PDB file of all heavy atoms in Angstrom:
ATOM      1  N   THR A   1     138.305  31.340 121.641  1.00  0.00           N
ATOM      2  CA  THR A   1     139.668  31.573 121.947  1.00  0.00           C
ATOM      3  C   THR A   1     140.525  31.450 120.723  1.00  0.00           C
ATOM      4  O   THR A   1     140.447  30.403 120.028  1.00  0.00           O
ATOM      5  CB  THR A   1     140.196  30.634 123.006  1.00  0.00           C
ATOM      6  OG1 THR A   1     139.413  30.717 124.208  1.00  0.00           O
ATOM      7  CG2 THR A   1     141.637  30.969 123.407  1.00  0.00           C
ATOM      8  N   ILE A   2     141.319  32.495 120.459  1.00  0.00           N
ATOM      9  CA  ILE A   2     142.176  32.410 119.278  1.00  0.00           C
ATOM     10  C   ILE A   2     143.645  32.228 119.766  1.00  0.00           C
ATOM     11  O   ILE A   2     144.043  32.797 120.783  1.00  0.00           O
ATOM     12  CB  ILE A   2     142.094  33.683 118.410  1.00  0.00           C
ATOM     13  CG1 ILE A   2     142.837  33.479 117.070  1.00  0.00           C
ATOM     14  CG2 ILE A   2     142.580  34.914 119.104  1.00  0.00           C
ATOM     15  CD1 ILE A   2     142.486  34.489 116.012  1.00  0.00           C
ATOM     16  N   SER A   3     144.371  31.384 119.067  1.00  0.00           N
ATOM     17  CA  SER A   3     145.774  31.137 119.405  1.00  0.00           C
ATOM     18  C   SER A   3     146.575  30.974 118.126  1.00  0.00           C
ATOM     19  O   SER A   3     145.997  30.872 117.047  1.00  0.00           O
ATOM     20  CB  SER A   3     145.858  29.888 120.270  1.00  0.00           C
ATOM     21  OG  SER A   3     145.355  28.756 119.621  1.00  0.00           O
ATOM     22  N   ARG A   4     147.873  30.939 118.293  1.00  0.00           N
ATOM     23  CA  ARG A   4     148.716  30.796 117.158  1.00  0.00           C
ATOM     24  C   ARG A   4     149.862  29.852 117.405  1.00  0.00           C
ATOM     25  O   ARG A   4     150.301  29.656 118.525  1.00  0.00           O
ATOM     26  CB  ARG A   4     149.307  32.213 116.780  1.00  0.00           C
ATOM     27  CG  ARG A   4     150.232  32.785 117.794  1.00  0.00           C
ATOM     28  CD  ARG A   4     150.590  34.240 117.464  1.00  0.00           C
ATOM     29  NE  ARG A   4     151.513  34.795 118.426  1.00  0.00           N
ATOM     30  CZ  ARG A   4     152.795  34.980 118.249  1.00  0.00           C
ATOM     31  NH1 ARG A   4     153.349  34.644 117.096  1.00  0.00           N
ATOM     32  NH2 ARG A   4     153.548  35.472 119.203  1.00  0.00           N
ATOM     33  N   ASP A   5     150.360  29.287 116.308  1.00  0.00           N
ATOM     34  CA  ASP A   5     151.522  28.443 116.289  1.00  0.00           C
ATOM     35  C   ASP A   5     152.497  29.095 115.366  1.00  0.00           C
ATOM     36  O   ASP A   5     152.394  28.951 114.126  1.00  0.00           O
ATOM     37  CB  ASP A   5     151.208  27.024 115.905  1.00  0.00           C
ATOM     38  CG  ASP A   5     152.397  26.081 115.998  1.00  0.00           C
ATOM     39  OD1 ASP A   5     153.548  26.553 115.912  1.00  0.00           O
ATOM     40  OD2 ASP A   5     152.194  24.877 116.087  1.00  0.00           O
ATOM     41  N   SER A   6     153.391  29.868 115.914  1.00  0.00           N
ATOM     42  CA  SER A   6     154.330  30.683 115.073  1.00  0.00           C
ATOM     43  C   SER A   6     155.142  29.791 114.085  1.00  0.00           C
ATOM     44  O   SER A   6     155.406  30.152 113.019  1.00  0.00           O
ATOM     45  CB  SER A   6     155.206  31.530 115.946  1.00  0.00           C
ATOM     46  OG  SER A   6     154.453  32.470 116.690  1.00  0.00           O
ATOM     47  N   ALA A   7     155.612  28.617 114.637  1.00  0.00           N
ATOM     48  CA  ALA A   7     156.480  27.788 113.857  1.00  0.00           C
ATOM     49  C   ALA A   7     155.736  27.265 112.614  1.00  0.00           C
ATOM     50  O   ALA A   7     156.383  27.045 111.602  1.00  0.00           O
ATOM     51  CB  ALA A   7     156.918  26.632 114.707  1.00  0.00           C
ATOM     52  N   LYS A   8     154.453  27.074 112.684  1.00  0.00           N
ATOM     53  CA  LYS A   8     153.634  26.538 111.590  1.00  0.00           C
ATOM     54  C   LYS A   8     152.827  27.615 110.893  1.00  0.00           C
ATOM     55  O   LYS A   8     152.112  27.295 109.956  1.00  0.00           O
ATOM     56  CB  LYS A   8     152.726  25.447 112.087  1.00  0.00           C
ATOM     57  CG  LYS A   8     153.439  24.244 112.695  1.00  0.00           C
ATOM     58  CD  LYS A   8     152.465  23.189 113.116  1.00  0.00           C
ATOM     59  CE  LYS A   8     153.208  21.968 113.714  1.00  0.00           C
ATOM     60  NZ  LYS A   8     152.287  20.865 114.136  1.00  0.00           N
ATOM     61  N   ASN A   9     152.987  28.865 111.305  1.00  0.00           N
ATOM     62  CA  ASN A   9     152.224  29.961 110.731  1.00  0.00           C
ATOM     63  C   ASN A   9     150.715  29.670 110.699  1.00  0.00           C
ATOM     64  O   ASN A   9     150.042  29.845 109.675  1.00  0.00           O
ATOM     65  CB  ASN A   9     152.736  30.309 109.331  1.00  0.00           C
ATOM     66  CG  ASN A   9     154.172  30.774 109.343  1.00  0.00           C
ATOM     67  OD1 ASN A   9     154.540  31.647 110.142  1.00  0.00           O
ATOM     68  ND2 ASN A   9     154.986  30.246 108.506  1.00  0.00           N
ATOM     69  N   THR A  10     150.214  29.176 111.782  1.00  0.00           N
ATOM     70  CA  THR A  10     148.837  28.722 111.892  1.00  0.00           C
ATOM     71  C   THR A  10     148.132  29.408 113.036  1.00  0.00           C
ATOM     72  O   THR A  10     148.727  29.578 114.110  1.00  0.00           O
ATOM     73  CB  THR A  10     148.807  27.220 112.115  1.00  0.00           C
ATOM     74  OG1 THR A  10     149.407  26.525 110.960  1.00  0.00           O
ATOM     75  CG2 THR A  10     147.346  26.735 112.207  1.00  0.00           C
ATOM     76  N   VAL A  11     146.893  29.795 112.819  1.00  0.00           N
ATOM     77  CA  VAL A  11     146.041  30.299 113.908  1.00  0.00           C
ATOM     78  C   VAL A  11     144.867  29.358 114.025  1.00  0.00           C
ATOM     79  O   VAL A  11     144.406  28.765 113.072  1.00  0.00           O
ATOM     80  CB  VAL A  11     145.576  31.740 113.625  1.00  0.00           C
ATOM     81  CG1 VAL A  11     146.725  32.687 113.640  1.00  0.00           C
ATOM     82  CG2 VAL A  11     144.804  31.832 112.349  1.00  0.00           C
ATOM     83  N   THR A  12     144.464  29.219 115.276  1.00  0.00           N
ATOM     84  CA  THR A  12     143.301  28.367 115.617  1.00  0.00           C
ATOM     85  C   THR A  12     142.271  29.107 116.353  1.00  0.00           C
ATOM     86  O   THR A  12     142.625  29.887 117.270  1.00  0.00           O
ATOM     87  CB  THR A  12     143.811  27.134 116.427  1.00  0.00           C
ATOM     88  OG1 THR A  12     144.764  26.354 115.739  1.00  0.00           O
ATOM     89  CG2 THR A  12     142.660  26.259 116.893  1.00  0.00           C
ATOM     90  N   LEU A  13     141.020  28.895 116.031  1.00  0.00           N
ATOM     91  CA  LEU A  13     139.926  29.517 116.728  1.00  0.00           C
ATOM     92  C   LEU A  13     139.112  28.393 117.412  1.00  0.00           C
ATOM     93  O   LEU A  13     138.455  27.623 116.678  1.00  0.00           O
ATOM     94  CB  LEU A  13     139.052  30.312 115.747  1.00  0.00           C
ATOM     95  CG  LEU A  13     137.870  31.082 116.420  1.00  0.00           C
ATOM     96  CD1 LEU A  13     138.415  32.193 117.333  1.00  0.00           C
ATOM     97  CD2 LEU A  13     136.907  31.633 115.373  1.00  0.00           C
ATOM     98  N   GLN A  14     139.248  28.295 118.674  1.00  0.00           N
ATOM     99  CA  GLN A  14     138.467  27.358 119.450  1.00  0.00           C
ATOM    100  C   GLN A  14     137.130  28.004 119.802  1.00  0.00           C
ATOM    101  O   GLN A  14     137.107  29.016 120.444  1.00  0.00           O
ATOM    102  CB  GLN A  14     139.206  26.936 120.689  1.00  0.00           C
ATOM    103  CG  GLN A  14     138.422  25.934 121.600  1.00  0.00           C
ATOM    104  CD  GLN A  14     138.238  24.633 120.964  1.00  0.00           C
ATOM    105  OE1 GLN A  14     139.135  24.115 120.295  1.00  0.00           O
ATOM    106  NE2 GLN A  14     137.055  24.072 121.165  1.00  0.00           N
ATOM    107  N   MET A  15     136.040  27.399 119.338  1.00  0.00           N
ATOM    108  CA  MET A  15     134.701  27.966 119.534  1.00  0.00           C
ATOM    109  C   MET A  15     133.940  26.987 120.471  1.00  0.00           C
ATOM    110  O   MET A  15     133.620  25.846 120.075  1.00  0.00           O
ATOM    111  CB  MET A  15     133.972  28.118 118.193  1.00  0.00           C
ATOM    112  CG  MET A  15     134.793  28.984 117.208  1.00  0.00           C
ATOM    113  SD  MET A  15     133.833  29.320 115.697  1.00  0.00           S
ATOM    114  CE  MET A  15     133.728  27.651 114.995  1.00  0.00           C
ATOM    115  N   ASP A  16     133.650  27.507 121.616  1.00  0.00           N
ATOM    116  CA  ASP A  16     132.891  26.759 122.610  1.00  0.00           C
ATOM    117  C   ASP A  16     131.553  27.424 122.874  1.00  0.00           C
ATOM    118  O   ASP A  16     131.324  28.587 122.583  1.00  0.00           O
ATOM    119  CB  ASP A  16     133.690  26.585 123.923  1.00  0.00           C
ATOM    120  CG  ASP A  16     134.965  25.844 123.791  1.00  0.00           C
ATOM    121  OD1 ASP A  16     134.990  24.857 123.021  1.00  0.00           O
ATOM    122  OD2 ASP A  16     136.011  26.253 124.437  1.00  0.00           O
ATOM    123  N   SER A  17     130.672  26.694 123.537  1.00  0.00           N
ATOM    124  CA  SER A  17     129.340  27.218 123.834  1.00  0.00           C
ATOM    125  C   SER A  17     128.691  27.864 122.673  1.00  0.00           C
ATOM    126  O   SER A  17     128.173  28.969 122.718  1.00  0.00           O
ATOM    127  CB  SER A  17     129.479  28.211 125.027  1.00  0.00           C
ATOM    128  OG  SER A  17     130.016  27.649 126.146  1.00  0.00           O
ATOM    129  N   LEU A  18     128.705  27.140 121.518  1.00  0.00           N
ATOM    130  CA  LEU A  18     128.196  27.713 120.299  1.00  0.00           C
ATOM    131  C   LEU A  18     126.691  28.015 120.372  1.00  0.00           C
ATOM    132  O   LEU A  18     125.935  27.272 121.043  1.00  0.00           O
ATOM    133  CB  LEU A  18     128.518  26.751 119.155  1.00  0.00           C
ATOM    134  CG  LEU A  18     129.949  26.765 118.636  1.00  0.00           C
ATOM    135  CD1 LEU A  18     130.219  25.549 117.808  1.00  0.00           C
ATOM    136  CD2 LEU A  18     130.215  28.048 117.818  1.00  0.00           C
ATOM    137  N   LYS A  19     126.316  29.041 119.688  1.00  0.00           N
ATOM    138  CA  LYS A  19     124.933  29.458 119.624  1.00  0.00           C
ATOM    139  C   LYS A  19     124.484  29.483 118.180  1.00  0.00           C
ATOM    140  O   LYS A  19     125.301  29.639 117.268  1.00  0.00           O
ATOM    141  CB  LYS A  19     124.793  30.892 120.202  1.00  0.00           C
ATOM    142  CG  LYS A  19     125.242  31.048 121.642  1.00  0.00           C
ATOM    143  CD  LYS A  19     125.148  32.497 122.094  1.00  0.00           C
ATOM    144  CE  LYS A  19     125.596  32.667 123.481  1.00  0.00           C
ATOM    145  NZ  LYS A  19     125.516  34.093 123.920  1.00  0.00           N
ATOM    146  N   PRO A  20     123.209  29.351 117.910  1.00  0.00           N
ATOM    147  CA  PRO A  20     122.709  29.432 116.520  1.00  0.00           C
ATOM    148  C   PRO A  20     123.114  30.668 115.824  1.00  0.00           C
ATOM    149  O   PRO A  20     123.363  30.631 114.611  1.00  0.00           O
ATOM    150  CB  PRO A  20     121.164  29.378 116.703  1.00  0.00           C
ATOM    151  CG  PRO A  20     120.998  28.554 117.946  1.00  0.00           C
ATOM    152  CD  PRO A  20     122.103  28.970 118.841  1.00  0.00           C
ATOM    153  N   GLU A  21     123.219  31.791 116.526  1.00  0.00           N
ATOM    154  CA  GLU A  21     123.614  33.072 115.896  1.00  0.00           C
ATOM    155  C   GLU A  21     125.097  33.073 115.480  1.00  0.00           C
ATOM    156  O   GLU A  21     125.540  34.000 114.803  1.00  0.00           O
ATOM    157  CB  GLU A  21     123.333  34.239 116.796  1.00  0.00           C
ATOM    158  CG  GLU A  21     123.864  34.129 118.198  1.00  0.00           C
ATOM    159  CD  GLU A  21     122.823  33.626 119.190  1.00  0.00           C
ATOM    160  OE1 GLU A  21     122.039  32.710 118.843  1.00  0.00           O
ATOM    161  OE2 GLU A  21     122.734  34.176 120.317  1.00  0.00           O
ATOM    162  N   ASP A  22     125.862  32.057 115.866  1.00  0.00           N
ATOM    163  CA  ASP A  22     127.203  31.891 115.362  1.00  0.00           C
ATOM    164  C   ASP A  22     127.238  31.319 113.990  1.00  0.00           C
ATOM    165  O   ASP A  22     128.294  31.323 113.342  1.00  0.00           O
ATOM    166  CB  ASP A  22     128.053  31.029 116.320  1.00  0.00           C
ATOM    167  CG  ASP A  22     128.259  31.623 117.704  1.00  0.00           C
ATOM    168  OD1 ASP A  22     128.498  32.866 117.763  1.00  0.00           O
ATOM    169  OD2 ASP A  22     128.171  30.910 118.676  1.00  0.00           O
ATOM    170  N   THR A  23     126.131  30.870 113.479  1.00  0.00           N
ATOM    171  CA  THR A  23     126.072  30.312 112.139  1.00  0.00           C
ATOM    172  C   THR A  23     126.466  31.368 111.090  1.00  0.00           C
ATOM    173  O   THR A  23     125.903  32.461 111.075  1.00  0.00           O
ATOM    174  CB  THR A  23     124.677  29.816 111.841  1.00  0.00           C
ATOM    175  OG1 THR A  23     124.368  28.729 112.710  1.00  0.00           O
ATOM    176  CG2 THR A  23     124.583  29.308 110.380  1.00  0.00           C
ATOM    177  N   ALA A  24     127.458  31.091 110.292  1.00  0.00           N
ATOM    178  CA  ALA A  24     127.969  32.048 109.321  1.00  0.00           C
ATOM    179  C   ALA A  24     129.045  31.346 108.494  1.00  0.00           C
ATOM    180  O   ALA A  24     129.470  30.230 108.778  1.00  0.00           O
ATOM    181  CB  ALA A  24     128.583  33.264 110.050  1.00  0.00           C
ATOM    182  N   VAL A  25     129.460  32.010 107.452  1.00  0.00           N
ATOM    183  CA  VAL A  25     130.689  31.655 106.752  1.00  0.00           C
ATOM    184  C   VAL A  25     131.804  32.378 107.417  1.00  0.00           C
ATOM    185  O   VAL A  25     131.748  33.625 107.599  1.00  0.00           O
ATOM    186  CB  VAL A  25     130.595  31.982 105.229  1.00  0.00           C
ATOM    187  CG1 VAL A  25     131.943  31.673 104.570  1.00  0.00           C
ATOM    188  CG2 VAL A  25     129.456  31.284 104.570  1.00  0.00           C
TER     189      VAL A  25
END
């Protein structure tokens, strides 16, 4: 899930149910 905080110019990526194939830079 991606979300944003406009006041702080910040985006957050919440990563749940992670899988080995999510391994990356």
